[in-house]
Every structure is written in structure tokens, then in C-alpha cells.
């Protein structure tokens, strides 16, 4: 059974996470392309899931990580993209995020990615991992909250 989702502005959550990331990882360079307000249908625990993805980008990217964060709203979904310039996800890590699969012999480096997957999917969200020549991008899609008229 899905929890009762609420209309929550994601922008201040992302702003707070960027501040936390730069305080905890002073060598990280963060760029952000986010609107002033972006209301998703979710719950406050989305912040925990997003933090796991932010922290993963900072920890596993290299000595001077670059992280780009963007939010793209549509009528149906809010897309939150976290991209880094690291070497990319190992396949077992990608499987944890894409399928939520964590097995005794094939598992991620920690529970953080599994926790992120579990929270996002339980909030009616989706998560996708893509790799490019410049690193890894994780896209989280959450339902857009309908604004009362």
C-alpha cells in the first residue's frame, strides 16, 4: 500500500542538500540549475534518498569531484538529475539502483543506494542511471503535484 503523498517543494530540499554536500566535501564543485519552486507529490523522506545519491557522487567520483544538479518540471513529473564526472557505476551498483536487487554475492558497497531505491520507488518515483563519456547521471522522477485551482 502506497503512503499518502503530499505536495512538497523540492527546491529548498535540493538547496539544503547542496549546502550539506559542500560543507561535508569541501573539494566538491557543485553546479545547480533549479527553478525557484518545484512542487512534487512525495514525502519529506525523499531528502534522505536524494542525500544518498548526492553523497555517492561526491565520494566515488575522484579527488576533485564535480557534481551537476538540475530539476526539470513537466506537467506529469519532476525530474531531478544528479550528474558527476566520475568513472561510472560498477554494474552491481547500477543494478541496486535500477532494480533494487541486492543479493548476498552481488551487492552494492553499502546500503545507501538500496535505501535510495527503496524510498524513491515507495514514493511512486522512478530512478534511472545513465553513463556518458564525462561520468554518471542519476535521474529521479517524482509525480508532479497538482496545484488546486
N, C-alpha and C. Protein backbone atom coordinates (compact mmCIF):
# COMPACT_ATOMS: atom_id res chain seq x y z
N UNK A 1 0.84 -1.18 0.00
CA UNK A 1 0.00 0.00 0.00
C UNK A 1 0.89 1.25 0.00
N UNK A 2 0.63 2.15 -0.91
CA UNK A 2 1.42 3.38 -1.02
C UNK A 2 1.04 4.35 0.09
N UNK A 3 2.04 5.12 0.58
CA UNK A 3 1.73 6.13 1.59
C UNK A 3 0.95 7.28 0.98
N UNK A 4 0.30 8.07 1.82
CA UNK A 4 -0.42 9.26 1.37
C UNK A 4 0.59 10.35 1.05
N UNK A 5 0.76 10.64 -0.23
CA UNK A 5 1.77 11.61 -0.66
C UNK A 5 1.26 13.03 -0.49
N UNK A 6 2.21 13.96 -0.33
CA UNK A 6 1.89 15.37 -0.10
C UNK A 6 2.53 16.23 -1.18
N UNK A 7 2.03 17.44 -1.34
CA UNK A 7 2.66 18.42 -2.22
C UNK A 7 3.83 19.05 -1.46
N UNK A 8 5.05 18.82 -1.94
CA UNK A 8 6.26 19.31 -1.27
C UNK A 8 7.14 20.02 -2.29
N UNK A 9 7.60 21.21 -1.91
CA UNK A 9 8.52 21.96 -2.77
C UNK A 9 9.91 21.32 -2.66
N UNK A 10 10.40 20.79 -3.75
CA UNK A 10 11.68 20.09 -3.80
C UNK A 10 12.86 21.08 -3.82
N UNK A 11 12.66 22.28 -4.32
CA UNK A 11 13.75 23.24 -4.47
C UNK A 11 14.50 23.51 -3.16
N UNK A 12 13.82 23.84 -2.05
CA UNK A 12 14.59 24.08 -0.82
C UNK A 12 15.30 22.82 -0.31
N UNK A 13 14.75 21.66 -0.58
CA UNK A 13 15.40 20.40 -0.19
C UNK A 13 16.72 20.27 -0.94
N UNK A 14 16.69 20.52 -2.25
CA UNK A 14 17.91 20.44 -3.07
C UNK A 14 18.91 21.50 -2.62
N UNK A 15 18.44 22.71 -2.36
CA UNK A 15 19.33 23.78 -1.86
C UNK A 15 20.04 23.34 -0.58
N UNK A 16 19.28 22.78 0.36
CA UNK A 16 19.87 22.31 1.62
C UNK A 16 20.89 21.20 1.39
N UNK A 17 20.57 20.29 0.50
CA UNK A 17 21.49 19.17 0.22
C UNK A 17 22.79 19.67 -0.41
N UNK A 18 22.71 20.67 -1.26
CA UNK A 18 23.92 21.23 -1.87
C UNK A 18 24.80 21.86 -0.79
N UNK A 19 24.19 22.59 0.15
CA UNK A 19 24.95 23.19 1.25
C UNK A 19 25.62 22.10 2.08
N UNK A 20 24.86 21.06 2.44
CA UNK A 20 25.41 19.95 3.22
C UNK A 20 26.57 19.28 2.49
N UNK A 21 26.40 19.09 1.19
CA UNK A 21 27.42 18.41 0.39
C UNK A 21 28.72 19.21 0.38
N UNK A 22 28.62 20.51 0.14
CA UNK A 22 29.83 21.33 0.07
C UNK A 22 30.48 21.51 1.44
N UNK A 23 29.69 21.44 2.51
CA UNK A 23 30.27 21.50 3.86
C UNK A 23 31.00 20.21 4.20
N UNK A 24 30.40 19.09 3.84
CA UNK A 24 30.99 17.79 4.18
C UNK A 24 32.13 17.41 3.25
N UNK A 25 32.04 17.84 1.99
CA UNK A 25 33.06 17.53 0.99
C UNK A 25 33.55 18.84 0.38
N UNK A 26 34.49 19.53 1.04
CA UNK A 26 34.91 20.85 0.57
C UNK A 26 35.56 20.86 -0.81
N UNK A 27 36.06 19.72 -1.28
CA UNK A 27 36.68 19.67 -2.61
C UNK A 27 35.67 19.51 -3.74
N UNK A 28 34.42 19.28 -3.41
CA UNK A 28 33.42 19.08 -4.45
C UNK A 28 33.02 20.42 -5.07
N UNK A 29 32.86 20.40 -6.38
CA UNK A 29 32.37 21.57 -7.10
C UNK A 29 30.95 21.24 -7.56
N UNK A 30 29.99 22.07 -7.17
CA UNK A 30 28.59 21.79 -7.49
C UNK A 30 28.03 22.91 -8.36
N UNK A 31 27.37 22.53 -9.44
CA UNK A 31 26.60 23.48 -10.23
C UNK A 31 25.14 23.09 -10.12
N UNK A 32 24.27 24.07 -10.13
CA UNK A 32 22.84 23.79 -9.98
C UNK A 32 22.03 24.58 -10.99
N UNK A 33 21.08 23.90 -11.59
CA UNK A 33 20.12 24.52 -12.50
C UNK A 33 18.74 24.12 -11.99
N UNK A 34 18.24 24.94 -11.04
CA UNK A 34 16.97 24.59 -10.40
C UNK A 34 16.05 25.80 -10.35
N UNK A 35 14.75 25.56 -10.57
CA UNK A 35 13.79 26.66 -10.52
C UNK A 35 13.58 27.15 -9.08
N UNK A 36 12.93 28.29 -8.95
CA UNK A 36 12.67 28.86 -7.62
C UNK A 36 11.76 27.98 -6.79
N UNK A 37 10.84 27.30 -7.44
CA UNK A 37 9.92 26.39 -6.73
C UNK A 37 9.56 25.24 -7.67
N UNK A 38 9.54 24.04 -7.11
CA UNK A 38 9.17 22.84 -7.87
C UNK A 38 8.42 21.92 -6.93
N UNK A 39 7.11 21.81 -7.12
CA UNK A 39 6.29 21.05 -6.19
C UNK A 39 6.02 19.65 -6.73
N UNK A 40 6.48 18.67 -5.95
CA UNK A 40 6.29 17.26 -6.31
C UNK A 40 5.31 16.63 -5.34
N UNK A 41 4.75 15.53 -5.76
CA UNK A 41 3.87 14.73 -4.90
C UNK A 41 4.76 13.66 -4.28
N UNK A 42 5.15 13.86 -3.01
CA UNK A 42 6.12 12.99 -2.36
C UNK A 42 5.95 13.10 -0.85
N UNK A 43 6.97 12.73 -0.11
CA UNK A 43 7.01 12.88 1.34
C UNK A 43 8.38 13.41 1.75
N UNK A 44 8.51 14.00 2.94
CA UNK A 44 9.80 14.57 3.36
C UNK A 44 10.98 13.58 3.31
N UNK A 45 10.73 12.29 3.43
CA UNK A 45 11.84 11.32 3.41
C UNK A 45 12.55 11.25 2.06
N UNK A 46 12.01 11.92 1.04
CA UNK A 46 12.73 11.98 -0.24
C UNK A 46 14.10 12.61 -0.04
N UNK A 47 14.23 13.49 0.96
CA UNK A 47 15.51 14.13 1.23
C UNK A 47 16.58 13.09 1.57
N UNK A 48 16.22 12.07 2.32
CA UNK A 48 17.17 11.01 2.67
C UNK A 48 17.66 10.28 1.42
N UNK A 49 16.74 9.96 0.53
CA UNK A 49 17.11 9.26 -0.71
C UNK A 49 18.03 10.13 -1.57
N UNK A 50 17.68 11.39 -1.71
CA UNK A 50 18.49 12.28 -2.54
C UNK A 50 19.87 12.49 -1.91
N UNK A 51 19.94 12.58 -0.59
CA UNK A 51 21.24 12.73 0.06
C UNK A 51 22.14 11.55 -0.27
N UNK A 52 21.61 10.35 -0.25
CA UNK A 52 22.41 9.16 -0.57
C UNK A 52 23.01 9.28 -1.97
N UNK A 53 22.24 9.81 -2.91
CA UNK A 53 22.72 9.96 -4.29
C UNK A 53 23.74 11.09 -4.39
N UNK A 54 23.51 12.19 -3.69
CA UNK A 54 24.48 13.30 -3.66
C UNK A 54 25.80 12.83 -3.07
N UNK A 55 25.71 12.16 -1.92
CA UNK A 55 26.91 11.71 -1.23
C UNK A 55 27.68 10.69 -2.06
N UNK A 56 26.96 9.81 -2.73
CA UNK A 56 27.61 8.82 -3.58
C UNK A 56 28.40 9.51 -4.70
N UNK A 57 27.82 10.54 -5.28
CA UNK A 57 28.51 11.27 -6.35
C UNK A 57 29.79 11.92 -5.82
N UNK A 58 29.74 12.47 -4.62
CA UNK A 58 30.92 13.14 -4.05
C UNK A 58 32.00 12.15 -3.63
N UNK A 59 31.59 11.01 -3.08
CA UNK A 59 32.55 10.05 -2.54
C UNK A 59 33.25 9.21 -3.60
N UNK A 60 32.58 8.91 -4.69
CA UNK A 60 33.10 7.93 -5.65
C UNK A 60 33.50 8.53 -6.99
N UNK A 61 33.65 9.84 -7.03
CA UNK A 61 33.95 10.49 -8.30
C UNK A 61 35.44 10.71 -8.51
N UNK A 62 36.19 10.94 -7.47
CA UNK A 62 37.62 11.20 -7.61
C UNK A 62 38.05 12.28 -6.64
N UNK A 63 39.31 12.72 -6.75
CA UNK A 63 39.85 13.66 -5.77
C UNK A 63 39.21 15.06 -5.81
N UNK A 64 38.78 15.52 -6.97
CA UNK A 64 38.13 16.84 -7.06
C UNK A 64 36.82 16.68 -7.84
N UNK A 65 35.80 16.13 -7.16
CA UNK A 65 34.56 15.80 -7.85
C UNK A 65 33.78 17.03 -8.32
N UNK A 66 33.15 16.85 -9.46
CA UNK A 66 32.24 17.85 -9.99
C UNK A 66 30.86 17.21 -10.05
N UNK A 67 29.88 17.87 -9.45
CA UNK A 67 28.51 17.36 -9.43
C UNK A 67 27.60 18.45 -10.00
N UNK A 68 26.77 18.06 -10.95
CA UNK A 68 25.79 18.98 -11.54
C UNK A 68 24.39 18.50 -11.16
N UNK A 69 23.59 19.41 -10.63
CA UNK A 69 22.24 19.08 -10.20
C UNK A 69 21.26 19.93 -11.00
N UNK A 70 20.24 19.28 -11.51
CA UNK A 70 19.21 20.04 -12.23
C UNK A 70 17.83 19.49 -11.89
N UNK A 71 16.85 20.37 -11.96
CA UNK A 71 15.46 19.99 -11.78
C UNK A 71 14.70 20.46 -13.02
N UNK A 72 13.97 19.54 -13.63
CA UNK A 72 13.16 19.87 -14.80
C UNK A 72 11.72 19.44 -14.53
N UNK A 73 10.82 20.40 -14.34
CA UNK A 73 9.42 20.05 -14.11
C UNK A 73 8.65 19.91 -15.43
N UNK A 74 7.72 18.97 -15.46
CA UNK A 74 6.75 18.87 -16.55
C UNK A 74 5.37 18.77 -15.90
N UNK A 75 4.34 18.67 -16.72
CA UNK A 75 3.00 18.53 -16.16
C UNK A 75 2.84 17.23 -15.39
N UNK A 76 3.57 16.19 -15.79
CA UNK A 76 3.40 14.86 -15.20
C UNK A 76 4.43 14.52 -14.12
N UNK A 77 5.69 14.95 -14.33
CA UNK A 77 6.77 14.53 -13.44
C UNK A 77 7.76 15.66 -13.18
N UNK A 78 8.44 15.53 -12.05
CA UNK A 78 9.58 16.38 -11.72
C UNK A 78 10.81 15.51 -11.92
N UNK A 79 11.72 15.96 -12.76
CA UNK A 79 12.96 15.22 -12.99
C UNK A 79 14.08 15.91 -12.21
N UNK A 80 14.75 15.13 -11.36
CA UNK A 80 15.90 15.61 -10.60
C UNK A 80 17.10 14.82 -11.12
N UNK A 81 18.06 15.52 -11.71
CA UNK A 81 19.23 14.84 -12.26
C UNK A 81 20.46 15.21 -11.45
N UNK A 82 21.22 14.19 -11.07
CA UNK A 82 22.47 14.35 -10.34
C UNK A 82 23.55 13.71 -11.20
N UNK A 83 24.42 14.53 -11.77
CA UNK A 83 25.44 14.03 -12.69
C UNK A 83 26.82 14.31 -12.10
N UNK A 84 27.75 13.38 -12.32
CA UNK A 84 29.11 13.57 -11.85
C UNK A 84 30.11 13.26 -12.95
N UNK A 85 31.37 13.56 -12.69
CA UNK A 85 32.41 13.35 -13.69
C UNK A 85 33.30 12.16 -13.33
N UNK A 86 32.72 11.21 -12.59
CA UNK A 86 33.49 10.05 -12.13
C UNK A 86 33.57 8.94 -13.16
N UNK A 87 34.14 7.81 -12.73
CA UNK A 87 34.38 6.68 -13.63
C UNK A 87 33.13 5.89 -13.97
N UNK A 88 32.02 6.17 -13.35
CA UNK A 88 30.79 5.43 -13.63
C UNK A 88 30.51 4.38 -12.58
N UNK A 89 29.30 3.89 -12.59
CA UNK A 89 28.87 2.87 -11.64
C UNK A 89 29.31 1.49 -12.08
N UNK A 90 29.83 0.69 -11.15
CA UNK A 90 30.01 -0.72 -11.47
C UNK A 90 28.62 -1.34 -11.70
N UNK A 91 28.56 -2.40 -12.47
CA UNK A 91 27.27 -3.00 -12.84
C UNK A 91 26.45 -3.41 -11.62
N UNK A 92 27.09 -3.97 -10.59
CA UNK A 92 26.31 -4.39 -9.41
C UNK A 92 25.70 -3.19 -8.70
N UNK A 93 26.38 -2.05 -8.67
CA UNK A 93 25.82 -0.84 -8.07
C UNK A 93 24.64 -0.33 -8.90
N UNK A 94 24.79 -0.38 -10.22
CA UNK A 94 23.72 0.07 -11.10
C UNK A 94 22.46 -0.78 -10.90
N UNK A 95 22.65 -2.09 -10.74
CA UNK A 95 21.51 -2.99 -10.54
C UNK A 95 20.78 -2.66 -9.25
N UNK A 96 21.51 -2.28 -8.21
CA UNK A 96 20.86 -1.91 -6.95
C UNK A 96 19.92 -0.73 -7.18
N UNK A 97 20.38 0.27 -7.94
CA UNK A 97 19.55 1.46 -8.19
C UNK A 97 18.43 1.22 -9.19
N UNK A 98 18.69 0.44 -10.21
CA UNK A 98 17.70 0.25 -11.26
C UNK A 98 16.64 -0.78 -10.87
N UNK A 99 17.07 -1.87 -10.27
CA UNK A 99 16.16 -2.97 -9.97
C UNK A 99 15.92 -3.20 -8.49
N UNK A 100 16.68 -2.53 -7.64
CA UNK A 100 16.56 -2.78 -6.22
C UNK A 100 17.10 -4.14 -5.82
N UNK A 101 17.94 -4.74 -6.68
CA UNK A 101 18.47 -6.07 -6.42
C UNK A 101 19.74 -5.99 -5.60
N UNK A 102 19.71 -6.65 -4.49
CA UNK A 102 20.90 -6.74 -3.64
C UNK A 102 20.90 -8.17 -3.12
N UNK A 103 21.87 -8.94 -3.54
CA UNK A 103 21.95 -10.35 -3.17
C UNK A 103 23.23 -10.59 -2.39
N UNK A 104 23.30 -11.72 -1.65
CA UNK A 104 24.48 -11.98 -0.83
C UNK A 104 25.80 -11.92 -1.60
N UNK A 105 25.83 -12.40 -2.83
CA UNK A 105 27.08 -12.42 -3.58
C UNK A 105 27.21 -11.26 -4.56
N UNK A 106 26.12 -10.55 -4.79
CA UNK A 106 26.14 -9.40 -5.68
C UNK A 106 25.44 -8.27 -4.95
N UNK A 107 26.22 -7.36 -4.40
CA UNK A 107 25.60 -6.27 -3.65
C UNK A 107 26.44 -5.02 -3.76
N UNK A 108 25.80 -3.91 -3.44
CA UNK A 108 26.46 -2.62 -3.52
C UNK A 108 27.45 -2.42 -2.39
N UNK A 109 28.16 -1.30 -2.44
CA UNK A 109 29.19 -1.00 -1.45
C UNK A 109 28.59 -0.69 -0.08
N UNK A 110 27.34 -0.37 -0.04
CA UNK A 110 26.69 -0.06 1.22
C UNK A 110 25.20 -0.08 1.02
N UNK A 111 24.48 0.24 2.07
CA UNK A 111 23.02 0.22 1.98
C UNK A 111 22.45 1.52 1.44
N UNK A 112 23.28 2.53 1.25
CA UNK A 112 22.79 3.83 0.81
C UNK A 112 22.04 3.82 -0.50
N UNK A 113 22.58 3.14 -1.51
CA UNK A 113 21.91 3.11 -2.82
C UNK A 113 20.62 2.30 -2.75
N UNK A 114 20.66 1.21 -2.01
CA UNK A 114 19.45 0.41 -1.85
C UNK A 114 18.39 1.21 -1.12
N UNK A 115 18.79 1.95 -0.08
CA UNK A 115 17.86 2.81 0.65
C UNK A 115 17.25 3.86 -0.28
N UNK A 116 18.08 4.48 -1.12
CA UNK A 116 17.59 5.48 -2.07
C UNK A 116 16.56 4.86 -3.01
N UNK A 117 16.87 3.69 -3.57
CA UNK A 117 15.95 2.99 -4.46
C UNK A 117 14.62 2.72 -3.75
N UNK A 118 14.72 2.18 -2.55
CA UNK A 118 13.53 1.79 -1.81
C UNK A 118 12.64 3.00 -1.51
N UNK A 119 13.23 4.08 -1.05
CA UNK A 119 12.45 5.29 -0.73
C UNK A 119 11.80 5.84 -1.99
N UNK A 120 12.58 6.01 -3.05
CA UNK A 120 12.07 6.62 -4.28
C UNK A 120 10.93 5.80 -4.87
N UNK A 121 11.10 4.50 -4.98
CA UNK A 121 10.05 3.68 -5.58
C UNK A 121 8.82 3.58 -4.69
N UNK A 122 9.01 3.65 -3.37
CA UNK A 122 7.85 3.62 -2.47
C UNK A 122 7.10 4.95 -2.45
N UNK A 123 7.69 5.99 -3.00
CA UNK A 123 7.02 7.29 -3.12
C UNK A 123 6.49 7.50 -4.54
N UNK A 124 6.26 6.40 -5.24
CA UNK A 124 5.75 6.42 -6.62
C UNK A 124 6.71 7.11 -7.58
N UNK A 125 7.99 7.10 -7.24
CA UNK A 125 9.00 7.69 -8.11
C UNK A 125 9.71 6.63 -8.93
N UNK A 126 10.55 7.11 -9.82
CA UNK A 126 11.35 6.24 -10.68
C UNK A 126 12.80 6.71 -10.60
N UNK A 127 13.71 5.79 -10.88
CA UNK A 127 15.13 6.14 -10.87
C UNK A 127 15.79 5.48 -12.06
N UNK A 128 16.68 6.24 -12.70
CA UNK A 128 17.37 5.74 -13.88
C UNK A 128 18.83 6.17 -13.81
N UNK A 129 19.71 5.26 -14.19
CA UNK A 129 21.15 5.53 -14.18
C UNK A 129 21.63 5.49 -15.62
N UNK A 130 22.38 6.51 -16.03
CA UNK A 130 22.97 6.50 -17.36
C UNK A 130 24.44 6.90 -17.26
N UNK A 131 25.20 6.41 -18.19
CA UNK A 131 26.63 6.70 -18.19
C UNK A 131 26.97 7.44 -19.47
N UNK A 132 27.83 8.43 -19.33
CA UNK A 132 28.28 9.17 -20.50
C UNK A 132 29.80 9.19 -20.48
N UNK A 133 30.39 9.82 -21.47
CA UNK A 133 31.85 9.93 -21.51
C UNK A 133 32.38 10.74 -20.33
N UNK A 134 31.54 11.62 -19.81
CA UNK A 134 32.00 12.50 -18.73
C UNK A 134 31.61 12.02 -17.34
N UNK A 135 30.97 10.86 -17.20
CA UNK A 135 30.63 10.36 -15.87
C UNK A 135 29.30 9.64 -15.82
N UNK A 136 28.64 9.79 -14.69
CA UNK A 136 27.38 9.10 -14.44
C UNK A 136 26.30 10.13 -14.15
N UNK A 137 25.09 9.85 -14.61
CA UNK A 137 23.94 10.69 -14.30
C UNK A 137 22.85 9.80 -13.71
N UNK A 138 22.30 10.24 -12.61
CA UNK A 138 21.18 9.55 -11.99
C UNK A 138 19.99 10.49 -12.09
N UNK A 139 18.91 9.98 -12.65
CA UNK A 139 17.70 10.78 -12.77
C UNK A 139 16.62 10.18 -11.88
N UNK A 140 16.07 11.02 -11.03
CA UNK A 140 14.95 10.65 -10.17
C UNK A 140 13.73 11.38 -10.71
N UNK A 141 12.67 10.63 -10.95
CA UNK A 141 11.42 11.24 -11.41
C UNK A 141 10.34 11.02 -10.36
N UNK A 142 9.73 12.13 -9.96
CA UNK A 142 8.65 12.11 -8.98
C UNK A 142 7.40 12.68 -9.61
N UNK A 143 6.23 12.23 -9.17
CA UNK A 143 5.00 12.79 -9.73
C UNK A 143 4.88 14.28 -9.40
N UNK A 144 4.39 15.04 -10.36
CA UNK A 144 4.12 16.45 -10.13
C UNK A 144 2.86 16.58 -9.30
N UNK A 145 2.89 17.47 -8.32
CA UNK A 145 1.70 17.72 -7.51
C UNK A 145 0.75 18.60 -8.28
N UNK A 146 -0.52 18.25 -8.26
CA UNK A 146 -1.50 19.11 -8.94
C UNK A 146 -1.79 20.30 -8.04
N UNK A 147 -1.77 21.44 -8.66
CA UNK A 147 -2.00 22.69 -7.92
C UNK A 147 -3.50 22.97 -7.95
N UNK A 148 -4.11 23.16 -6.75
CA UNK A 148 -5.55 23.43 -6.72
C UNK A 148 -5.87 24.73 -7.46
N UNK A 149 -6.99 24.72 -8.20
CA UNK A 149 -7.35 25.93 -8.94
C UNK A 149 -8.37 26.75 -8.22
